[in-house]
Structures are given as C-alpha cells and as structure tokens.
C-alpha atoms as a PDB file:
ATOM      1  CA  MET A   1       0.227  -0.185   0.280  1.00  0.00           C
ATOM      2  CA  GLU A   2       1.140   3.615  -0.976  1.00  0.00           C
ATOM      3  CA  GLU A   3       1.455   5.632   1.440  1.00  0.00           C
ATOM      4  CA  ALA A   4      -1.027   9.053   0.571  1.00  0.00           C
ATOM      5  CA  PRO A   5       1.316  12.112   0.358  1.00  0.00           C
ATOM      6  CA  TYR A   6       0.990  14.755   3.029  1.00  0.00           C
ATOM      7  CA  ALA A   7      -1.181  17.820   3.043  1.00  0.00           C
ATOM      8  CA  ASP A   8       1.535  20.263   2.633  1.00  0.00           C
ATOM      9  CA  GLN A   9       3.108  18.273   0.029  1.00  0.00           C
ATOM     10  CA  ARG A  10       1.762  18.862  -3.278  1.00  0.00           C
ATOM     11  CA  PRO A  11       3.402  17.215  -6.683  1.00  0.00           C
ATOM     12  CA  GLN A  12       5.323  19.187  -8.514  1.00  0.00           C
ATOM     13  CA  THR A  13       4.165  20.373 -11.603  1.00  0.00           C
ATOM     14  CA  ARG A  14       6.378  21.995 -13.693  1.00  0.00           C
ATOM     15  CA  ARG A  15       5.276  25.001 -15.614  1.00  0.00           C
ATOM     16  CA  THR A  16       6.041  26.699 -18.384  1.00  0.00           C
ATOM     17  CA  ILE A  17       6.271  29.927 -18.950  1.00  0.00           C
ATOM     18  CA  ARG A  18       5.080  31.305 -22.273  1.00  0.00           C
ATOM     19  CA  ARG A  19       6.874  34.161 -23.016  1.00  0.00           C
ATOM     20  CA  ARG A  20       5.092  36.587 -25.876  1.00  0.00           C
ATOM     21  CA  THR A  21       7.535  37.363 -28.830  1.00  0.00           C
ATOM     22  CA  PRO A  22       6.980  40.699 -29.987  1.00  0.00           C
ATOM     23  CA  LYS A  23       5.338  41.740 -33.418  1.00  0.00           C
ATOM     24  CA  PRO A  24       7.878  43.032 -35.575  1.00  0.00           C
ATOM     25  CA  MET A  25       7.761  46.455 -35.774  1.00  0.00           C
ATOM     26  CA  ASN A  26       7.837  47.982 -39.997  1.00  0.00           C
ATOM     27  CA  ILE A  27      10.817  50.348 -40.229  1.00  0.00           C
ATOM     28  CA  GLU A  28       8.379  52.491 -41.897  1.00  0.00           C
ATOM     29  CA  THR A  29       6.708  52.699 -38.346  1.00  0.00           C
ATOM     30  CA  VAL A  30      10.173  53.355 -36.380  1.00  0.00           C
ATOM     31  CA  GLN A  31      11.649  55.984 -38.320  1.00  0.00           C
ATOM     32  CA  ARG A  32       7.926  58.148 -38.442  1.00  0.00           C
ATOM     33  CA  TRP A  33       8.477  58.084 -34.184  1.00  0.00           C
ATOM     34  CA  VAL A  34      12.095  59.083 -33.938  1.00  0.00           C
ATOM     35  CA  VAL A  35      11.627  61.670 -36.680  1.00  0.00           C
ATOM     36  CA  SER A  36       8.224  63.114 -35.165  1.00  0.00           C
ATOM     37  CA  ALA A  37      10.049  63.395 -31.398  1.00  0.00           C
ATOM     38  CA  VAL A  38      12.809  65.212 -33.245  1.00  0.00           C
ATOM     39  CA  LEU A  39      10.009  67.853 -34.897  1.00  0.00           C
ATOM     40  CA  PHE A  40       8.687  67.957 -31.281  1.00  0.00           C
ATOM     41  CA  HIS A  41      12.027  68.739 -29.651  1.00  0.00           C
ATOM     42  CA  VAL A  42      13.240  71.090 -32.634  1.00  0.00           C
ATOM     43  CA  GLY A  43       9.490  72.859 -32.139  1.00  0.00           C
ATOM     44  CA  THR A  44       9.006  73.631 -29.081  1.00  0.00           C
ATOM     45  CA  VAL A  45      12.107  74.917 -27.960  1.00  0.00           C
ATOM     46  CA  PRO A  46      11.534  77.965 -29.797  1.00  0.00           C
ATOM     47  CA  ALA A  47       7.727  78.309 -29.382  1.00  0.00           C
ATOM     48  CA  VAL A  48       8.614  78.022 -25.764  1.00  0.00           C
ATOM     49  CA  THR A  49      11.610  80.385 -25.799  1.00  0.00           C
ATOM     50  CA  LEU A  50       9.707  83.472 -27.564  1.00  0.00           C
ATOM     51  CA  ALA A  51       6.868  82.431 -25.215  1.00  0.00           C
ATOM     52  CA  VAL A  52       8.731  82.963 -22.454  1.00  0.00           C
ATOM     53  CA  TYR A  53      11.066  86.120 -23.774  1.00  0.00           C
ATOM     54  CA  SER A  54       8.091  87.993 -25.099  1.00  0.00           C
ATOM     55  CA  ILE A  55       7.009  88.540 -21.417  1.00  0.00           C
ATOM     56  CA  GLY A  56      10.495  91.285 -20.777  1.00  0.00           C
ATOM     57  CA  VAL A  57      10.091  92.721 -23.908  1.00  0.00           C
ATOM     58  CA  SER A  58       6.950  92.915 -23.849  1.00  0.00           C
ATOM     59  CA  HIS A  59       7.088  95.202 -20.365  1.00  0.00           C
ATOM     60  CA  ASP A  60       9.308  97.580 -23.187  1.00  0.00           C
ATOM     61  CA  ASN A  61       8.258  97.641 -25.873  1.00  0.00           C
ATOM     62  CA  PHE A  62       4.780  96.164 -26.066  1.00  0.00           C
ATOM     63  CA  GLY A  63       4.487  95.538 -29.868  1.00  0.00           C
ATOM     64  CA  LYS A  64       7.372  93.612 -30.269  1.00  0.00           C
ATOM     65  CA  GLY A  65       6.270  91.549 -27.127  1.00  0.00           C
ATOM     66  CA  VAL A  66       2.864  90.567 -28.717  1.00  0.00           C
ATOM     67  CA  GLY A  67       4.714  89.885 -32.045  1.00  0.00           C
ATOM     68  CA  LEU A  68       6.830  87.075 -30.532  1.00  0.00           C
ATOM     69  CA  TRP A  69       3.967  85.973 -28.303  1.00  0.00           C
ATOM     70  CA  ILE A  70       2.043  85.249 -31.751  1.00  0.00           C
ATOM     71  CA  MET A  71       5.193  83.311 -33.302  1.00  0.00           C
ATOM     72  CA  SER A  72       5.320  81.169 -30.612  1.00  0.00           C
ATOM     73  CA  GLY A  73       1.805  80.575 -30.964  1.00  0.00           C
ATOM     74  CA  VAL A  74       2.297  80.108 -34.793  1.00  0.00           C
ATOM     75  CA  ILE A  75       5.910  77.860 -34.407  1.00  0.00           C
ATOM     76  CA  GLY A  76       3.691  75.819 -31.800  1.00  0.00           C
ATOM     77  CA  VAL A  77       1.075  75.388 -34.103  1.00  0.00           C
ATOM     78  CA  MET A  78       2.935  74.367 -37.019  1.00  0.00           C
ATOM     79  CA  THR A  79       4.907  71.714 -34.987  1.00  0.00           C
ATOM     80  CA  ALA A  80       1.849  70.188 -33.818  1.00  0.00           C
ATOM     81  CA  VAL A  81       0.102  70.363 -37.416  1.00  0.00           C
ATOM     82  CA  GLY A  82       3.934  69.082 -39.057  1.00  0.00           C
ATOM     83  CA  ILE A  83       4.265  65.783 -36.410  1.00  0.00           C
ATOM     84  CA  LEU A  84       0.046  65.358 -37.618  1.00  0.00           C
ATOM     85  CA  ALA A  85       1.373  65.079 -40.926  1.00  0.00           C
ATOM     86  CA  ILE A  86       4.837  62.561 -40.126  1.00  0.00           C
ATOM     87  CA  HIS A  87       2.078  59.989 -38.917  1.00  0.00           C
ATOM     88  CA  ARG A  88      -0.822  60.677 -41.795  1.00  0.00           C
ATOM     89  CA  LYS A  89      -3.267  62.147 -39.750  1.00  0.00           C
ATOM     90  CA  SER A  90      -5.604  64.884 -40.795  1.00  0.00           C
ATOM     91  CA  PRO A  91      -4.405  68.847 -39.656  1.00  0.00           C
ATOM     92  CA  LEU A  92      -8.314  68.902 -38.693  1.00  0.00           C
ATOM     93  CA  SER A  93      -8.198  68.159 -34.710  1.00  0.00           C
ATOM     94  CA  LEU A  94      -8.231  69.389 -31.635  1.00  0.00           C
ATOM     95  CA  TRP A  95      -4.135  68.304 -31.721  1.00  0.00           C
ATOM     96  CA  PRO A  96      -2.632  71.245 -33.070  1.00  0.00           C
ATOM     97  CA  LEU A  97      -4.301  73.860 -30.329  1.00  0.00           C
ATOM     98  CA  LEU A  98      -1.689  72.023 -27.819  1.00  0.00           C
ATOM     99  CA  GLY A  99       0.537  74.016 -30.177  1.00  0.00           C
ATOM    100  CA  ILE A 100      -0.447  77.102 -28.246  1.00  0.00           C
ATOM    101  CA  LEU A 101      -0.028  76.165 -24.919  1.00  0.00           C
ATOM    102  CA  PRO A 102       3.140  77.685 -24.367  1.00  0.00           C
ATOM    103  CA  THR A 103       1.392  80.701 -25.467  1.00  0.00           C
ATOM    104  CA  ALA A 104      -1.870  80.982 -23.948  1.00  0.00           C
ATOM    105  CA  VAL A 105       0.174  80.364 -20.583  1.00  0.00           C
ATOM    106  CA  THR A 106       2.540  83.382 -21.264  1.00  0.00           C
ATOM    107  CA  GLY A 107      -0.674  84.990 -22.396  1.00  0.00           C
ATOM    108  CA  PHE A 108      -1.412  85.843 -19.006  1.00  0.00           C
ATOM    109  CA  TYR A 109       1.468  87.521 -17.974  1.00  0.00           C
ATOM    110  CA  ILE A 110       1.478  89.774 -21.066  1.00  0.00           C
ATOM    111  CA  PHE A 111      -1.706  91.480 -20.935  1.00  0.00           C
ATOM    112  CA  ARG A 112      -2.242  91.182 -17.193  1.00  0.00           C
END
C-alpha cells in the first residue's frame, strides 16, 4: 500500500513560462516616431523660448512682445501639424491646439 502524500506536500508540476514574442515592427513606423520626436523637440524649444522671452520684452516694448508671443503660437501650431502630417493624420483635429499651450500660458503675463 502506498502512502498518501501529506497535505502540505503537493506533487510538483512543471510550469512553463510562455513569453510573448513581440510583433516585428515596421521600419517606417520607427522612422515616423523618431522623426516626430525630433520635430517635437526642434519645434517646442523655439515656441517655449519665444513665449517666455515675450513676457520680458512686452514690459519695455508692448508691440514687439506681442509679436514674439504670436510667433510662439504659430511655431507651436506648425509643429503640431507637422507631427500629424508625419503620422499621416488629418490636421483638422484638436491636436494643433496643443501647440498654442505655451502661448496661452504666457498670455496671462503679457496682458495683465
């Protein structure tokens, strides 16, 4: 007669760990993301810089400050539209409004 295993001793079963194999990514998709990341950095640096710089300029010369402020919005919107174009999306969406975020934030300091 065989002995029954104790309650705390369970027969050991071998578990296999299944790893998901990632889908191969298309090289064009990677290139789109890399170029859009570069465009994001190249476009947002001047937009934010002009927006912040326009605050100081507007105290001395209001016209020049507003001009720089508007240019920061234009650069921001063009950057957002460029990223949408890289990903072949329609520019007629709400995403380009994200480009005027630095302009909207600094507008409070210019027009107060």
